[in-house]
Amino acid sequence: MNMNNLIIVRGGGDIATGTIYKLYQCGFDVLILEVAKPSAIRRNVAFCEAIYDTKKTVENLTCYLAHDRDEVKSLLSRHQLTLFIDPEGTIIQELKPLAVVDAILAKKNLGTKKDMAPITVGLGPGFEAGKDVDAVIETMRGHQLGRIIYQGTAINNTGVPGLIQGYGKERVIHSPCSGKVKHVKKITDIVKKGEIIAYVDKTPIYATLDGLLRGLIKENYVVTKGFKMADIDPRVNEYQNCFTISDKARCIAGGVVEAILHLKREKYDLS
């Protein structure tokens, strides 16, 4: 296995999945590092779901869960897209990849450092290019989305989702309390504003607008108050959106690939 071709991506949610998919399709070997219980809501298009099902296919690309370090190396040696539970990134030093991409999207840096790999890239706010990482990719919807920042930071998190057909904060539903999630609706269902889509323990969770239920956190997941748990797309006729990588994720992915190839050639001459 050629470690000069290995990229480790921290995080396997839906936005990270866009980057992972594009890197793999461009010929890189990719290892995803995740927490033990990921909380993606757009689960149909998130490779982190492999943790629950041992494998996950998104747009005809399958990711496999490795249960230990030996299995990580075995899967990567066969050029399989691999996921491993390692939130601290302890395997990074052992594998010595070409690049580390922090795609956790925590809005803060959870431990990614510039010395982790020859090339480091951070997605969104929480990183300073030139200090914490080599490059930062803008994740805010709008004109700057996907832009590569080599000095400085991304736009600060506003806490308000980007507008789709005039809807912003209404598109994303946060839990009003702590408890265990029980589904009433499923991803791909058309919902009406005010309909119950789920319960958190005995508290009903209502649809905030008419639309397509595009994201819903895994059943029986234990959420805390304020936890992001569902996503409604007002474009009810775009059913396939539930199964395909989003425009936002693909745009960010393009920035990541460009940054890695640029830094490989210009800064490190590793071509």
C-alpha atoms as a PDB file:
ATOM      1  CA  MET A   1       0.000   0.000   0.000  1.00  0.00           C
ATOM      2  CA  ASN A   2       1.356   3.393  -1.062  1.00  0.00           C
ATOM      3  CA  MET A   3       0.871   5.797   1.828  1.00  0.00           C
ATOM      4  CA  ASN A   4       1.699   8.668  -0.531  1.00  0.00           C
ATOM      5  CA  ASN A   5      -1.715   7.943  -2.019  1.00  0.00           C
ATOM      6  CA  LEU A   6      -3.593   7.637   1.302  1.00  0.00           C
ATOM      7  CA  ILE A   7      -5.873  10.381   2.550  1.00  0.00           C
ATOM      8  CA  ILE A   8      -7.440  10.184   5.998  1.00  0.00           C
ATOM      9  CA  VAL A   9     -10.737  12.023   6.444  1.00  0.00           C
ATOM     10  CA  ARG A  10     -11.934  12.775   9.952  1.00  0.00           C
ATOM     11  CA  GLY A  11     -15.737  12.554   9.875  1.00  0.00           C
ATOM     12  CA  GLY A  12     -18.117  10.617   7.658  1.00  0.00           C
ATOM     13  CA  GLY A  13     -21.324  12.671   7.644  1.00  0.00           C
ATOM     14  CA  ASP A  14     -23.151  13.788   4.489  1.00  0.00           C
ATOM     15  CA  ILE A  15     -20.894  16.775   3.736  1.00  0.00           C
ATOM     16  CA  ALA A  16     -17.757  14.718   4.450  1.00  0.00           C
ATOM     17  CA  THR A  17     -19.145  11.954   2.228  1.00  0.00           C
ATOM     18  CA  GLY A  18     -19.066  14.291  -0.774  1.00  0.00           C
ATOM     19  CA  THR A  19     -15.341  14.843  -0.216  1.00  0.00           C
ATOM     20  CA  ILE A  20     -14.649  11.153   0.484  1.00  0.00           C
ATOM     21  CA  TYR A  21     -16.505  10.075  -2.643  1.00  0.00           C
ATOM     22  CA  LYS A  22     -14.658  12.525  -4.892  1.00  0.00           C
ATOM     23  CA  LEU A  23     -11.216  11.720  -3.447  1.00  0.00           C
ATOM     24  CA  TYR A  24     -11.790   7.992  -3.939  1.00  0.00           C
ATOM     25  CA  GLN A  25     -13.086   8.474  -7.488  1.00  0.00           C
ATOM     26  CA  CYS A  26      -9.982  10.554  -8.254  1.00  0.00           C
ATOM     27  CA  GLY A  27      -7.769   7.578  -7.400  1.00  0.00           C
ATOM     28  CA  PHE A  28      -6.816   8.148  -3.766  1.00  0.00           C
ATOM     29  CA  ASP A  29      -7.081   5.481  -1.076  1.00  0.00           C
ATOM     30  CA  VAL A  30      -9.315   6.894   1.666  1.00  0.00           C
ATOM     31  CA  LEU A  31      -9.678   6.007   5.351  1.00  0.00           C
ATOM     32  CA  ILE A  32     -12.544   7.601   7.290  1.00  0.00           C
ATOM     33  CA  LEU A  33     -12.231   8.085  11.049  1.00  0.00           C
ATOM     34  CA  GLU A  34     -15.433   8.385  13.073  1.00  0.00           C
ATOM     35  CA  VAL A  35     -16.914   8.403  16.550  1.00  0.00           C
ATOM     36  CA  ALA A  36     -18.558   5.233  17.915  1.00  0.00           C
ATOM     37  CA  LYS A  37     -22.104   6.597  17.496  1.00  0.00           C
ATOM     38  CA  PRO A  38     -22.283   9.061  14.605  1.00  0.00           C
ATOM     39  CA  SER A  39     -25.351  11.306  14.423  1.00  0.00           C
ATOM     40  CA  ALA A  40     -25.839  11.982  10.704  1.00  0.00           C
ATOM     41  CA  ILE A  41     -29.392  12.907   9.747  1.00  0.00           C
ATOM     42  CA  ARG A  42     -28.965  12.531   5.963  1.00  0.00           C
ATOM     43  CA  ARG A  43     -28.191   8.881   6.602  1.00  0.00           C
ATOM     44  CA  ASN A  44     -28.792   7.660   3.047  1.00  0.00           C
ATOM     45  CA  VAL A  45     -25.793   9.657   1.850  1.00  0.00           C
ATOM     46  CA  ALA A  46     -23.428   9.351   4.839  1.00  0.00           C
ATOM     47  CA  PHE A  47     -20.645   6.770   4.860  1.00  0.00           C
ATOM     48  CA  CYS A  48     -20.573   6.913   8.683  1.00  0.00           C
ATOM     49  CA  GLU A  49     -23.673   4.677   8.656  1.00  0.00           C
ATOM     50  CA  ALA A  50     -21.272   1.770   7.972  1.00  0.00           C
ATOM     51  CA  ILE A  51     -20.680   1.768  11.738  1.00  0.00           C
ATOM     52  CA  TYR A  52     -24.229   0.517  12.276  1.00  0.00           C
ATOM     53  CA  ASP A  53     -24.484  -1.774   9.235  1.00  0.00           C
ATOM     54  CA  THR A  54     -20.793  -2.822   8.705  1.00  0.00           C
ATOM     55  CA  LYS A  55     -20.944  -1.320   5.209  1.00  0.00           C
ATOM     56  CA  LYS A  56     -22.637   1.587   3.471  1.00  0.00           C
ATOM     57  CA  THR A  57     -23.156   2.292  -0.223  1.00  0.00           C
ATOM     58  CA  VAL A  58     -23.583   5.842  -1.522  1.00  0.00           C
ATOM     59  CA  GLU A  59     -23.966   6.419  -5.273  1.00  0.00           C
ATOM     60  CA  ASN A  60     -22.592   2.935  -6.082  1.00  0.00           C
ATOM     61  CA  LEU A  61     -19.492   3.310  -3.888  1.00  0.00           C
ATOM     62  CA  THR A  62     -19.339   1.018  -0.840  1.00  0.00           C
ATOM     63  CA  CYS A  63     -17.506   1.812   2.385  1.00  0.00           C
ATOM     64  CA  TYR A  64     -16.507  -1.029   4.742  1.00  0.00           C
ATOM     65  CA  LEU A  65     -16.151  -0.900   8.530  1.00  0.00           C
ATOM     66  CA  ALA A  66     -12.800  -2.107   9.861  1.00  0.00           C
ATOM     67  CA  HIS A  67     -12.962  -3.556  13.382  1.00  0.00           C
ATOM     68  CA  ASP A  68      -9.251  -3.248  14.202  1.00  0.00           C
ATOM     69  CA  ARG A  69      -5.997  -1.821  12.853  1.00  0.00           C
ATOM     70  CA  ASP A  70      -5.079  -5.023  11.002  1.00  0.00           C
ATOM     71  CA  GLU A  71      -8.404  -4.943   9.173  1.00  0.00           C
ATOM     72  CA  VAL A  72      -7.829  -1.275   8.302  1.00  0.00           C
ATOM     73  CA  LYS A  73      -4.545  -2.187   6.619  1.00  0.00           C
ATOM     74  CA  SER A  74      -6.024  -5.234   4.917  1.00  0.00           C
ATOM     75  CA  LEU A  75      -8.937  -3.292   3.433  1.00  0.00           C
ATOM     76  CA  LEU A  76      -6.733  -0.387   2.333  1.00  0.00           C
ATOM     77  CA  SER A  77      -4.235  -2.769   0.720  1.00  0.00           C
ATOM     78  CA  ARG A  78      -7.126  -3.934  -1.497  1.00  0.00           C
ATOM     79  CA  HIS A  79      -8.020  -0.298  -2.235  1.00  0.00           C
ATOM     80  CA  GLN A  80     -11.369  -0.570  -0.430  1.00  0.00           C
ATOM     81  CA  LEU A  81     -12.965   2.554   1.002  1.00  0.00           C
ATOM     82  CA  THR A  82     -12.539   1.992   4.748  1.00  0.00           C
ATOM     83  CA  LEU A  83     -14.067   3.375   7.946  1.00  0.00           C
ATOM     84  CA  PHE A  84     -12.573   2.972  11.424  1.00  0.00           C
ATOM     85  CA  ILE A  85     -13.772   4.130  14.842  1.00  0.00           C
ATOM     86  CA  ASP A  86     -10.982   6.429  16.017  1.00  0.00           C
ATOM     87  CA  PRO A  87     -12.287   9.871  17.051  1.00  0.00           C
ATOM     88  CA  GLU A  88      -8.889  10.888  18.438  1.00  0.00           C
ATOM     89  CA  GLY A  89      -7.098  10.037  15.200  1.00  0.00           C
ATOM     90  CA  THR A  90      -4.527   7.813  16.899  1.00  0.00           C
ATOM     91  CA  ILE A  91      -3.977   5.746  13.741  1.00  0.00           C
ATOM     92  CA  ILE A  92      -2.854   8.788  11.728  1.00  0.00           C
ATOM     93  CA  GLN A  93       0.710   8.736  13.075  1.00  0.00           C
ATOM     94  CA  GLU A  94       0.968   4.998  12.381  1.00  0.00           C
ATOM     95  CA  LEU A  95      -0.221   5.162   8.759  1.00  0.00           C
ATOM     96  CA  LYS A  96       1.531   8.428   7.812  1.00  0.00           C
ATOM     97  CA  PRO A  97      -0.912   9.490   5.070  1.00  0.00           C
ATOM     98  CA  LEU A  98      -0.282  12.072   2.370  1.00  0.00           C
ATOM     99  CA  ALA A  99      -3.091  14.247   3.736  1.00  0.00           C
ATOM    100  CA  VAL A 100      -5.535  14.619   6.616  1.00  0.00           C
ATOM    101  CA  VAL A 101      -8.877  16.304   5.962  1.00  0.00           C
ATOM    102  CA  ASP A 102     -10.927  17.422   8.971  1.00  0.00           C
ATOM    103  CA  ALA A 103     -14.528  17.133   7.773  1.00  0.00           C
ATOM    104  CA  ILE A 104     -16.136  16.814  11.212  1.00  0.00           C
ATOM    105  CA  LEU A 105     -17.824  20.224  10.761  1.00  0.00           C
ATOM    106  CA  ALA A 106     -17.900  20.816  14.506  1.00  0.00           C
ATOM    107  CA  LYS A 107     -17.484  24.587  13.898  1.00  0.00           C
ATOM    108  CA  LYS A 108     -14.329  24.239  16.020  1.00  0.00           C
ATOM    109  CA  ASN A 109     -11.075  22.332  15.778  1.00  0.00           C
ATOM    110  CA  LEU A 110     -11.303  19.023  17.651  1.00  0.00           C
ATOM    111  CA  GLY A 111      -7.588  18.311  17.499  1.00  0.00           C
ATOM    112  CA  THR A 112      -6.410  18.451  13.881  1.00  0.00           C
ATOM    113  CA  LYS A 113      -2.879  19.855  13.672  1.00  0.00           C
ATOM    114  CA  LYS A 114      -0.680  20.860  10.776  1.00  0.00           C
ATOM    115  CA  ASP A 115       1.997  18.325  11.725  1.00  0.00           C
ATOM    116  CA  MET A 116      -0.376  15.333  11.363  1.00  0.00           C
ATOM    117  CA  ALA A 117       0.481  14.926   7.668  1.00  0.00           C
ATOM    118  CA  PRO A 118       2.381  16.655   4.854  1.00  0.00           C
ATOM    119  CA  ILE A 119      -0.944  18.215   3.784  1.00  0.00           C
ATOM    120  CA  THR A 120      -3.802  19.203   6.103  1.00  0.00           C
ATOM    121  CA  VAL A 121      -7.187  20.641   5.150  1.00  0.00           C
ATOM    122  CA  GLY A 122     -10.024  21.827   7.394  1.00  0.00           C
ATOM    123  CA  LEU A 123     -13.669  22.284   6.383  1.00  0.00           C
ATOM    124  CA  GLY A 124     -15.493  25.365   7.594  1.00  0.00           C
ATOM    125  CA  PRO A 125     -15.004  27.607  10.649  1.00  0.00           C
ATOM    126  CA  GLY A 126     -12.710  26.640  13.519  1.00  0.00           C
ATOM    127  CA  PHE A 127      -9.453  26.438  11.564  1.00  0.00           C
ATOM    128  CA  GLU A 128      -6.870  29.035  10.598  1.00  0.00           C
ATOM    129  CA  ALA A 129      -5.103  28.287   7.333  1.00  0.00           C
ATOM    130  CA  GLY A 130      -1.361  28.620   7.699  1.00  0.00           C
ATOM    131  CA  LYS A 131      -1.561  27.898  11.438  1.00  0.00           C
ATOM    132  CA  ASP A 132      -3.818  24.920  12.267  1.00  0.00           C
ATOM    133  CA  VAL A 133      -3.992  23.518   8.728  1.00  0.00           C
ATOM    134  CA  ASP A 134      -2.538  24.269   5.300  1.00  0.00           C
ATOM    135  CA  ALA A 135      -5.891  25.127   3.734  1.00  0.00           C
ATOM    136  CA  VAL A 136      -9.463  25.821   4.822  1.00  0.00           C
ATOM    137  CA  ILE A 137     -12.486  25.202   2.588  1.00  0.00           C
ATOM    138  CA  GLU A 138     -15.440  27.583   2.833  1.00  0.00           C
ATOM    139  CA  THR A 139     -18.656  25.728   3.778  1.00  0.00           C
ATOM    140  CA  MET A 140     -21.123  28.639   3.876  1.00  0.00           C
ATOM    141  CA  ARG A 141     -23.706  28.536   1.064  1.00  0.00           C
ATOM    142  CA  GLY A 142     -23.357  31.391  -1.378  1.00  0.00           C
ATOM    143  CA  HIS A 143     -20.717  32.865  -3.652  1.00  0.00           C
ATOM    144  CA  GLN A 144     -17.770  31.720  -1.512  1.00  0.00           C
ATOM    145  CA  LEU A 145     -18.880  28.081  -1.102  1.00  0.00           C
ATOM    146  CA  GLY A 146     -16.033  25.669  -1.851  1.00  0.00           C
ATOM    147  CA  ARG A 147     -13.416  28.431  -2.074  1.00  0.00           C
ATOM    148  CA  ILE A 148      -9.929  27.509  -0.820  1.00  0.00           C
ATOM    149  CA  ILE A 149      -8.390  29.722   1.852  1.00  0.00           C
ATOM    150  CA  TYR A 150      -4.611  29.468   2.235  1.00  0.00           C
ATOM    151  CA  GLN A 151      -4.304  32.264   4.795  1.00  0.00           C
ATOM    152  CA  GLY A 152      -7.011  33.008   7.348  1.00  0.00           C
ATOM    153  CA  THR A 153     -10.345  31.481   8.277  1.00  0.00           C
ATOM    154  CA  ALA A 154     -13.732  30.561   6.867  1.00  0.00           C
ATOM    155  CA  ILE A 155     -16.827  32.704   7.469  1.00  0.00           C
ATOM    156  CA  ASN A 156     -18.015  32.381  11.074  1.00  0.00           C
ATOM    157  CA  ASN A 157     -20.931  30.025  11.691  1.00  0.00           C
ATOM    158  CA  THR A 158     -24.219  31.952  11.646  1.00  0.00           C
ATOM    159  CA  GLY A 159     -26.261  29.079  13.064  1.00  0.00           C
ATOM    160  CA  VAL A 160     -28.797  29.595  10.249  1.00  0.00           C
ATOM    161  CA  PRO A 161     -28.919  27.101   7.344  1.00  0.00           C
ATOM    162  CA  GLY A 162     -28.623  28.465   3.808  1.00  0.00           C
ATOM    163  CA  LEU A 163     -31.829  29.362   2.000  1.00  0.00           C
ATOM    164  CA  ILE A 164     -33.580  26.842  -0.249  1.00  0.00           C
ATOM    165  CA  GLN A 165     -36.737  28.229  -1.914  1.00  0.00           C
ATOM    166  CA  GLY A 166     -36.808  30.965   0.692  1.00  0.00           C
ATOM    167  CA  TYR A 167     -36.577  28.639   3.698  1.00  0.00           C
ATOM    168  CA  GLY A 168     -33.596  28.759   6.048  1.00  0.00           C
ATOM    169  CA  LYS A 169     -33.809  27.898   9.733  1.00  0.00           C
ATOM    170  CA  GLU A 170     -37.186  26.180   9.227  1.00  0.00           C
ATOM    171  CA  ARG A 171     -35.505  23.430   7.181  1.00  0.00           C
ATOM    172  CA  VAL A 172     -33.592  22.004  10.127  1.00  0.00           C
ATOM    173  CA  ILE A 173     -35.341  20.635  13.213  1.00  0.00           C
ATOM    174  CA  HIS A 174     -33.641  20.506  16.603  1.00  0.00           C
ATOM    175  CA  SER A 175     -34.800  18.404  19.519  1.00  0.00           C
ATOM    176  CA  PRO A 176     -36.756  20.376  22.136  1.00  0.00           C
ATOM    177  CA  CYS A 177     -35.643  18.009  24.909  1.00  0.00           C
ATOM    178  CA  SER A 178     -33.417  15.057  25.790  1.00  0.00           C
ATOM    179  CA  GLY A 179     -34.474  11.482  25.160  1.00  0.00           C
ATOM    180  CA  LYS A 180     -34.653   8.541  22.774  1.00  0.00           C
ATOM    181  CA  VAL A 181     -35.876   9.088  19.201  1.00  0.00           C
ATOM    182  CA  LYS A 182     -38.835   7.100  17.862  1.00  0.00           C
ATOM    183  CA  HIS A 183     -39.718   7.517  14.186  1.00  0.00           C
ATOM    184  CA  VAL A 184     -43.235   8.218  12.900  1.00  0.00           C
ATOM    185  CA  LYS A 185     -42.134   9.208   9.386  1.00  0.00           C
ATOM    186  CA  LYS A 186     -39.179   7.981   7.352  1.00  0.00           C
ATOM    187  CA  ILE A 187     -36.661   9.641   5.054  1.00  0.00           C
ATOM    188  CA  THR A 188     -38.290  10.182   1.602  1.00  0.00           C
ATOM    189  CA  ASP A 189     -41.757  10.834   3.086  1.00  0.00           C
ATOM    190  CA  ILE A 190     -43.657  13.942   1.994  1.00  0.00           C
ATOM    191  CA  VAL A 191     -44.721  15.792   5.139  1.00  0.00           C
ATOM    192  CA  LYS A 192     -47.065  18.678   5.896  1.00  0.00           C
ATOM    193  CA  LYS A 193     -46.313  21.492   8.323  1.00  0.00           C
ATOM    194  CA  GLY A 194     -47.547  20.501  11.784  1.00  0.00           C
ATOM    195  CA  GLU A 195     -47.479  16.738  11.137  1.00  0.00           C
ATOM    196  CA  ILE A 196     -45.706  14.592  13.716  1.00  0.00           C
ATOM    197  CA  ILE A 197     -42.534  13.144  12.199  1.00  0.00           C
ATOM    198  CA  ALA A 198     -41.033  11.590  15.346  1.00  0.00           C
ATOM    199  CA  TYR A 199     -41.052  11.513  19.129  1.00  0.00           C
ATOM    200  CA  VAL A 200     -38.278  12.199  21.606  1.00  0.00           C
ATOM    201  CA  ASP A 201     -39.431   9.974  24.438  1.00  0.00           C
ATOM    202  CA  LYS A 202     -43.062  11.166  24.641  1.00  0.00           C
ATOM    203  CA  THR A 203     -42.541  14.636  23.145  1.00  0.00           C
ATOM    204  CA  PRO A 204     -43.869  14.939  19.565  1.00  0.00           C
ATOM    205  CA  ILE A 205     -41.613  16.486  16.919  1.00  0.00           C
ATOM    206  CA  TYR A 206     -43.547  18.420  14.285  1.00  0.00           C
ATOM    207  CA  ALA A 207     -42.713  19.181  10.660  1.00  0.00           C
ATOM    208  CA  THR A 208     -41.802  22.874  10.380  1.00  0.00           C
ATOM    209  CA  LEU A 209     -42.817  23.206   6.721  1.00  0.00           C
ATOM    210  CA  ASP A 210     -44.332  21.270   3.824  1.00  0.00           C
ATOM    211  CA  GLY A 211     -41.695  19.251   2.044  1.00  0.00           C
ATOM    212  CA  LEU A 212     -39.618  16.133   1.587  1.00  0.00           C
ATOM    213  CA  LEU A 213     -38.176  14.554   4.732  1.00  0.00           C
ATOM    214  CA  ARG A 214     -34.565  14.377   3.566  1.00  0.00           C
ATOM    215  CA  GLY A 215     -32.881  13.724   6.894  1.00  0.00           C
ATOM    216  CA  LEU A 216     -33.892  12.028  10.148  1.00  0.00           C
ATOM    217  CA  ILE A 217     -31.582  10.867  12.902  1.00  0.00           C
ATOM    218  CA  LYS A 218     -31.336   7.124  13.491  1.00  0.00           C
ATOM    219  CA  GLU A 219     -34.166   5.537  15.472  1.00  0.00           C
ATOM    220  CA  ASN A 220     -33.391   4.966  19.176  1.00  0.00           C
ATOM    221  CA  TYR A 221     -30.577   7.529  19.062  1.00  0.00           C
ATOM    222  CA  VAL A 222     -30.415   9.380  22.381  1.00  0.00           C
ATOM    223  CA  VAL A 223     -30.441  13.113  21.714  1.00  0.00           C
ATOM    224  CA  THR A 224     -29.930  16.091  23.979  1.00  0.00           C
ATOM    225  CA  LYS A 225     -31.909  19.341  23.923  1.00  0.00           C
ATOM    226  CA  GLY A 226     -31.036  21.385  20.839  1.00  0.00           C
ATOM    227  CA  PHE A 227     -29.602  18.379  18.962  1.00  0.00           C
ATOM    228  CA  LYS A 228     -30.047  18.534  15.169  1.00  0.00           C
ATOM    229  CA  MET A 229     -32.375  15.652  14.343  1.00  0.00           C
ATOM    230  CA  ALA A 230     -34.216  16.243  11.037  1.00  0.00           C
ATOM    231  CA  ASP A 231     -34.034  18.085   7.743  1.00  0.00           C
ATOM    232  CA  ILE A 232     -36.961  18.972   5.446  1.00  0.00           C
ATOM    233  CA  ASP A 233     -36.411  19.963   1.818  1.00  0.00           C
ATOM    234  CA  PRO A 234     -39.191  22.220   0.431  1.00  0.00           C
ATOM    235  CA  ARG A 235     -38.524  20.829  -3.082  1.00  0.00           C
ATOM    236  CA  VAL A 236     -41.025  17.968  -2.783  1.00  0.00           C
ATOM    237  CA  ASN A 237     -40.506  16.760  -6.344  1.00  0.00           C
ATOM    238  CA  GLU A 238     -36.788  16.080  -5.839  1.00  0.00           C
ATOM    239  CA  TYR A 239     -37.124  12.608  -4.325  1.00  0.00           C
ATOM    240  CA  GLN A 240     -33.701  11.523  -5.643  1.00  0.00           C
ATOM    241  CA  ASN A 241     -32.082  14.175  -3.435  1.00  0.00           C
ATOM    242  CA  CYS A 242     -32.522  11.706  -0.553  1.00  0.00           C
ATOM    243  CA  PHE A 243     -30.102   9.289  -2.223  1.00  0.00           C
ATOM    244  CA  THR A 244     -27.547  11.550  -3.874  1.00  0.00           C
ATOM    245  CA  ILE A 245     -24.675  13.710  -2.658  1.00  0.00           C
ATOM    246  CA  SER A 246     -25.816  17.331  -2.425  1.00  0.00           C
ATOM    247  CA  ASP A 247     -24.657  20.272  -4.515  1.00  0.00           C
ATOM    248  CA  LYS A 248     -23.094  21.780  -1.387  1.00  0.00           C
ATOM    249  CA  ALA A 249     -21.131  18.612  -0.554  1.00  0.00           C
ATOM    250  CA  ARG A 250     -19.898  18.247  -4.143  1.00  0.00           C
ATOM    251  CA  CYS A 251     -18.810  21.876  -4.305  1.00  0.00           C
ATOM    252  CA  ILE A 252     -16.840  21.565  -1.052  1.00  0.00           C
ATOM    253  CA  ALA A 253     -15.339  18.296  -2.311  1.00  0.00           C
ATOM    254  CA  GLY A 254     -13.997  20.058  -5.403  1.00  0.00           C
ATOM    255  CA  GLY A 255     -12.240  22.561  -3.168  1.00  0.00           C
ATOM    256  CA  VAL A 256     -10.657  19.778  -1.101  1.00  0.00           C
ATOM    257  CA  VAL A 257      -9.333  17.915  -4.151  1.00  0.00           C
ATOM    258  CA  GLU A 258      -7.939  21.113  -5.674  1.00  0.00           C
ATOM    259  CA  ALA A 259      -6.269  22.118  -2.389  1.00  0.00           C
ATOM    260  CA  ILE A 260      -4.599  18.716  -1.966  1.00  0.00           C
ATOM    261  CA  LEU A 261      -3.316  18.569  -5.556  1.00  0.00           C
ATOM    262  CA  HIS A 262      -2.132  22.189  -5.422  1.00  0.00           C
ATOM    263  CA  LEU A 263      -0.314  21.732  -2.119  1.00  0.00           C
ATOM    264  CA  LYS A 264       1.176  18.428  -3.261  1.00  0.00           C
ATOM    265  CA  ARG A 265       2.712  20.102  -6.288  1.00  0.00           C
ATOM    266  CA  GLU A 266       3.489  23.620  -5.070  1.00  0.00           C
ATOM    267  CA  LYS A 267       4.375  23.291  -1.416  1.00  0.00           C
ATOM    268  CA  TYR A 268       5.663  19.796  -0.954  1.00  0.00           C
ATOM    269  CA  ASP A 269       6.762  18.752  -4.464  1.00  0.00           C
ATOM    270  CA  LEU A 270       5.460  15.242  -3.791  1.00  0.00           C
ATOM    271  CA  SER A 271       4.282  14.614  -7.348  1.00  0.00           C
END
